Amino acid sequence: MTTHHPIAIIGAGLGGLVLARVLHVRGIEAAVYELDASPSARTQGGMLDMHEESGQEALRTADLYEEFRALVHPGGEALRILDKDALVRMEQADDGTGGRPEIDRGDLRGLLLGSLPEGTVRWSAKVTGARPLGGGRHEVTLADGSVFTTDLLVGADGAWSRIRPLVSDAQPAYTGVSFVEADLRDADLRHPVSAEVVGGGMLFALGAGRGFLAHRETDGSLHVYTALKAPEEWLDGIDFTDTEASKETVLEHFADWDKSLRALVSDADGSLVPRRIHALPVGHRWERVPGVTLLGDAAHLMSPFAGEGANLAMLDGAELGLALAAHPGATEAALAAYEEKLFPRSEHSAAESARNGVLLFRADAPQGLVDAFAAWR
């Protein structure tokens, strides 16, 4: 007998979990399907700054704000902007009054998972396809061959969503920027120079078409993103199984940069991790399709240069949950109300992310970022 769910959420990322939590506290059951085998199957990335109007608002809606505050990283809002010669162009301490506190992504996901009834998330459940059955119902197929049906299907399954094709033909495109990620563990003791360069929060060390973005994590490690404007195939020419050779290849693009900045890669612990930056078209939207919608990266994948991705995903989940609770028995009205706010909000943030991607790496970098922070302040 085929399993049926009134609401099925595909993806146990932050947005999907916020949706499940907001529904739960309002007495509405939802099933979450996640391809990972367990909550600890892979690392969840680095630090996130939670914005007052989006991520923090979502946590308030989910009745988890106080629990979130207890997990905030003290000092994490500190900021340093350097040029390629390691000269400090701007520095800002974290005095505790900022509106974007930092939290470890894994801690935040753990908070959300722990707030849901046992069994809400179905692990090792990789979705391979979905098809409409009529009347707003959908059938979803999993990699193990099993299927389930649902009255409302929510694609919270990220950049390469299996649910998006039900509503849109759009596909993410390469933005022209590639990242190579690295970690320096126990930085204060083992990498004191790098620890001083990064400081207590976030570092931007920028030059024309390239830079180092780094932040301090709650365990005392430094997470580094080496960014380069490069052809899409650039990363294919690097053998990341040879750590020392890959470091040398990456640092060829930073030959005239200060030694203290190059050390963020040369002294890294463990392998380097490549990542191309993709984005959906700015203003991505779709016509109302009965019984299905998207949230987070599935709906509006954007570059990370406005820090909005996780925050918007969480706000999406909260607002979709509120809309469903406000329209009992009227799913289409709820989805229409949700998408009416989703589209302009995500278009604004995606456009900002694209602009910032240009600003960060323009010919006079880091001047554009310094000017932007001065105007914001």
Foldseek 3Di string as FASTA:
>chain_A
DAAEAQAEEEALAQLSLLLQLLLVVLPHAYAYEYQAQDLVSDADDFKAWAAVVFQLVSCVSSVCNVVVVVQFDPFAVWEFEAELQLDTPDTDTCPPPDRTTMGTSSVSSVSSVVSHPPNRYDYNWAWDAKDDPPPQKIWTATPVGGIHIYNAYEFAPAQQTRQLVVWDPWHWDFLQKKKKKFKAALCVPPPVLLCVSQDAHWYWHAAAQWTKIWTAGPRRMIMIITMGRDPPCVVVPADQVPAQRNLVVSCVVSVPGHPSRSCVRNVTPDTIDMDTQIWTDQLDDGDDDRRYDYAANSGTRAGCQVSCRSRRSSRLSSQLSVLCSVDPPCNSSSVVVSRVVSRVVSNVVRVVRSVSVCQQNHRGPPVSVSVVVVVVD
